[in-house]
N, C-alpha and C. Protein backbone atom coordinates (compact mmCIF):
# COMPACT_ATOMS: atom_id res chain seq x y z
N MET A 1 13.65 -8.52 -12.63
CA MET A 1 12.30 -8.19 -12.98
C MET A 1 11.36 -9.17 -12.28
N ARG A 2 10.38 -8.63 -11.58
CA ARG A 2 9.39 -9.45 -10.89
C ARG A 2 8.46 -10.10 -11.91
N LYS A 3 8.13 -11.36 -11.66
CA LYS A 3 7.23 -12.09 -12.55
C LYS A 3 6.03 -12.60 -11.76
N LEU A 4 4.94 -12.78 -12.46
CA LEU A 4 3.75 -13.41 -11.89
C LEU A 4 3.71 -14.83 -12.41
N ILE A 5 3.62 -15.79 -11.52
CA ILE A 5 3.61 -17.20 -11.89
C ILE A 5 2.25 -17.79 -11.52
N PHE A 6 1.58 -18.39 -12.50
CA PHE A 6 0.27 -19.01 -12.27
C PHE A 6 0.40 -20.51 -12.45
N LEU A 7 -0.07 -21.26 -11.47
CA LEU A 7 0.02 -22.72 -11.49
C LEU A 7 -1.37 -23.35 -11.40
N ASP A 8 -1.57 -24.39 -12.17
CA ASP A 8 -2.76 -25.21 -12.04
C ASP A 8 -2.61 -26.03 -10.76
N VAL A 9 -3.69 -26.52 -10.22
CA VAL A 9 -3.62 -27.31 -8.99
C VAL A 9 -3.61 -28.80 -9.29
N ASP A 10 -4.70 -29.33 -9.79
CA ASP A 10 -4.85 -30.78 -9.97
C ASP A 10 -3.93 -31.32 -11.06
N GLY A 11 -3.05 -32.22 -10.65
CA GLY A 11 -2.14 -32.85 -11.60
C GLY A 11 -0.90 -32.02 -11.90
N THR A 12 -0.83 -30.83 -11.35
CA THR A 12 0.35 -29.97 -11.55
C THR A 12 0.99 -29.68 -10.20
N LEU A 13 0.32 -28.88 -9.39
CA LEU A 13 0.84 -28.54 -8.07
C LEU A 13 0.53 -29.64 -7.05
N VAL A 14 -0.60 -30.30 -7.23
CA VAL A 14 -1.03 -31.38 -6.35
C VAL A 14 -1.15 -32.64 -7.21
N ASP A 15 -0.56 -33.74 -6.75
CA ASP A 15 -0.65 -34.96 -7.54
C ASP A 15 -2.05 -35.57 -7.41
N TYR A 16 -2.28 -36.66 -8.11
CA TYR A 16 -3.62 -37.25 -8.14
C TYR A 16 -3.98 -38.00 -6.86
N GLU A 17 -3.09 -37.98 -5.90
CA GLU A 17 -3.39 -38.53 -4.57
C GLU A 17 -3.50 -37.40 -3.55
N ASN A 18 -3.67 -36.17 -4.05
CA ASN A 18 -3.83 -34.97 -3.22
C ASN A 18 -2.61 -34.64 -2.37
N ARG A 19 -1.43 -34.97 -2.87
CA ARG A 19 -0.19 -34.65 -2.17
C ARG A 19 0.53 -33.53 -2.90
N ILE A 20 1.20 -32.68 -2.13
CA ILE A 20 2.01 -31.61 -2.71
C ILE A 20 3.46 -32.07 -2.63
N PRO A 21 4.09 -32.32 -3.77
CA PRO A 21 5.48 -32.80 -3.74
C PRO A 21 6.42 -31.77 -3.10
N GLN A 22 7.42 -32.27 -2.40
CA GLN A 22 8.40 -31.38 -1.78
C GLN A 22 9.07 -30.50 -2.82
N SER A 23 9.28 -31.02 -4.01
CA SER A 23 9.91 -30.22 -5.07
C SER A 23 9.05 -29.02 -5.44
N ALA A 24 7.72 -29.17 -5.40
CA ALA A 24 6.83 -28.05 -5.69
C ALA A 24 6.90 -27.01 -4.58
N ARG A 25 6.93 -27.47 -3.34
CA ARG A 25 7.05 -26.55 -2.20
C ARG A 25 8.33 -25.72 -2.32
N GLU A 26 9.43 -26.40 -2.60
CA GLU A 26 10.72 -25.72 -2.70
C GLU A 26 10.76 -24.75 -3.86
N ALA A 27 10.18 -25.13 -4.99
CA ALA A 27 10.17 -24.24 -6.16
C ALA A 27 9.38 -22.97 -5.89
N ILE A 28 8.24 -23.10 -5.22
CA ILE A 28 7.42 -21.93 -4.90
C ILE A 28 8.16 -21.03 -3.92
N GLN A 29 8.75 -21.62 -2.90
CA GLN A 29 9.49 -20.82 -1.92
C GLN A 29 10.68 -20.11 -2.56
N LYS A 30 11.35 -20.79 -3.47
CA LYS A 30 12.49 -20.18 -4.16
C LYS A 30 12.03 -19.02 -5.06
N ALA A 31 10.94 -19.22 -5.78
CA ALA A 31 10.41 -18.16 -6.65
C ALA A 31 10.05 -16.94 -5.82
N ARG A 32 9.38 -17.14 -4.70
CA ARG A 32 8.98 -16.02 -3.84
C ARG A 32 10.20 -15.35 -3.22
N ALA A 33 11.21 -16.13 -2.85
CA ALA A 33 12.43 -15.55 -2.29
C ALA A 33 13.15 -14.68 -3.31
N ASN A 34 12.95 -14.99 -4.59
CA ASN A 34 13.56 -14.20 -5.67
C ASN A 34 12.67 -13.03 -6.10
N GLY A 35 11.59 -12.78 -5.35
CA GLY A 35 10.75 -11.62 -5.60
C GLY A 35 9.58 -11.83 -6.53
N HIS A 36 9.35 -13.06 -6.95
CA HIS A 36 8.23 -13.34 -7.85
C HIS A 36 6.96 -13.61 -7.04
N LEU A 37 5.82 -13.41 -7.67
CA LEU A 37 4.53 -13.68 -7.03
C LEU A 37 3.97 -14.97 -7.62
N VAL A 38 3.44 -15.84 -6.76
CA VAL A 38 2.95 -17.15 -7.19
C VAL A 38 1.47 -17.28 -6.85
N PHE A 39 0.68 -17.60 -7.88
CA PHE A 39 -0.76 -17.74 -7.75
C PHE A 39 -1.18 -19.11 -8.25
N VAL A 40 -2.32 -19.60 -7.77
CA VAL A 40 -2.92 -20.79 -8.35
C VAL A 40 -4.09 -20.36 -9.22
N CYS A 41 -4.31 -21.11 -10.27
CA CYS A 41 -5.39 -20.86 -11.22
C CYS A 41 -6.14 -22.18 -11.35
N THR A 42 -7.36 -22.23 -10.83
CA THR A 42 -8.06 -23.50 -10.72
C THR A 42 -9.57 -23.31 -10.80
N GLY A 43 -10.26 -24.35 -11.13
CA GLY A 43 -11.72 -24.33 -11.10
C GLY A 43 -12.27 -24.51 -9.69
N ARG A 44 -11.40 -24.86 -8.76
CA ARG A 44 -11.82 -25.03 -7.36
C ARG A 44 -12.12 -23.68 -6.73
N SER A 45 -12.95 -23.71 -5.68
CA SER A 45 -13.16 -22.51 -4.87
C SER A 45 -12.10 -22.52 -3.76
N ARG A 46 -11.97 -21.39 -3.08
CA ARG A 46 -10.99 -21.33 -1.99
C ARG A 46 -11.30 -22.38 -0.91
N ALA A 47 -12.58 -22.61 -0.65
CA ALA A 47 -12.98 -23.59 0.37
C ALA A 47 -12.57 -25.02 -0.01
N GLU A 48 -12.40 -25.28 -1.30
CA GLU A 48 -12.02 -26.62 -1.77
C GLU A 48 -10.51 -26.83 -1.81
N MET A 49 -9.75 -25.79 -1.55
CA MET A 49 -8.29 -25.88 -1.61
C MET A 49 -7.75 -26.49 -0.32
N GLN A 50 -6.71 -27.30 -0.44
CA GLN A 50 -6.06 -27.86 0.73
C GLN A 50 -5.40 -26.73 1.53
N PRO A 51 -5.57 -26.70 2.85
CA PRO A 51 -4.93 -25.66 3.67
C PRO A 51 -3.41 -25.64 3.49
N GLU A 52 -2.82 -26.80 3.19
CA GLU A 52 -1.37 -26.87 3.01
C GLU A 52 -0.89 -25.99 1.86
N LEU A 53 -1.74 -25.79 0.86
CA LEU A 53 -1.35 -24.92 -0.26
C LEU A 53 -1.08 -23.51 0.22
N TRP A 54 -1.91 -23.02 1.12
CA TRP A 54 -1.73 -21.65 1.61
C TRP A 54 -0.54 -21.56 2.55
N GLU A 55 -0.22 -22.65 3.24
CA GLU A 55 0.94 -22.66 4.14
C GLU A 55 2.25 -22.54 3.37
N ILE A 56 2.25 -22.95 2.11
CA ILE A 56 3.45 -22.85 1.28
C ILE A 56 3.81 -21.38 1.07
N GLY A 57 2.79 -20.54 0.97
CA GLY A 57 3.04 -19.12 0.77
C GLY A 57 2.58 -18.60 -0.57
N LEU A 58 1.42 -19.03 -1.03
CA LEU A 58 0.88 -18.51 -2.28
C LEU A 58 0.45 -17.06 -2.09
N ASP A 59 0.50 -16.30 -3.17
CA ASP A 59 0.12 -14.89 -3.11
C ASP A 59 -1.35 -14.66 -3.43
N GLY A 60 -2.03 -15.66 -3.98
CA GLY A 60 -3.45 -15.51 -4.29
C GLY A 60 -3.90 -16.58 -5.25
N MET A 61 -5.14 -16.42 -5.73
CA MET A 61 -5.68 -17.42 -6.64
C MET A 61 -6.71 -16.82 -7.58
N ILE A 62 -6.86 -17.47 -8.70
CA ILE A 62 -7.98 -17.27 -9.61
C ILE A 62 -8.71 -18.59 -9.57
N GLY A 63 -9.95 -18.59 -9.15
CA GLY A 63 -10.62 -19.88 -8.99
C GLY A 63 -12.12 -19.77 -8.97
N GLY A 64 -12.73 -20.88 -8.60
CA GLY A 64 -14.18 -20.94 -8.50
C GLY A 64 -14.86 -20.70 -9.83
N ASN A 65 -14.37 -21.37 -10.86
CA ASN A 65 -14.87 -21.25 -12.23
C ASN A 65 -14.55 -19.91 -12.86
N GLY A 66 -13.69 -19.13 -12.23
CA GLY A 66 -13.25 -17.88 -12.84
C GLY A 66 -11.90 -18.02 -13.52
N SER A 67 -11.43 -19.28 -13.60
CA SER A 67 -10.08 -19.48 -14.14
C SER A 67 -10.07 -19.65 -15.63
């Protein structure tokens, strides 16, 4: 069964030094390889997101105070 996974950005997906842990990258890639969709849910706008987040392979976002 396909699942939708929503992740917070600050302090969850990205540490407080603005780094994306390798373990987070691998977990997202594994979830997507298993057919799940991964989204970020944040108060940030798309323009405020690190480009590296999109390179991981996110499926979309809820953001810009719409979270």
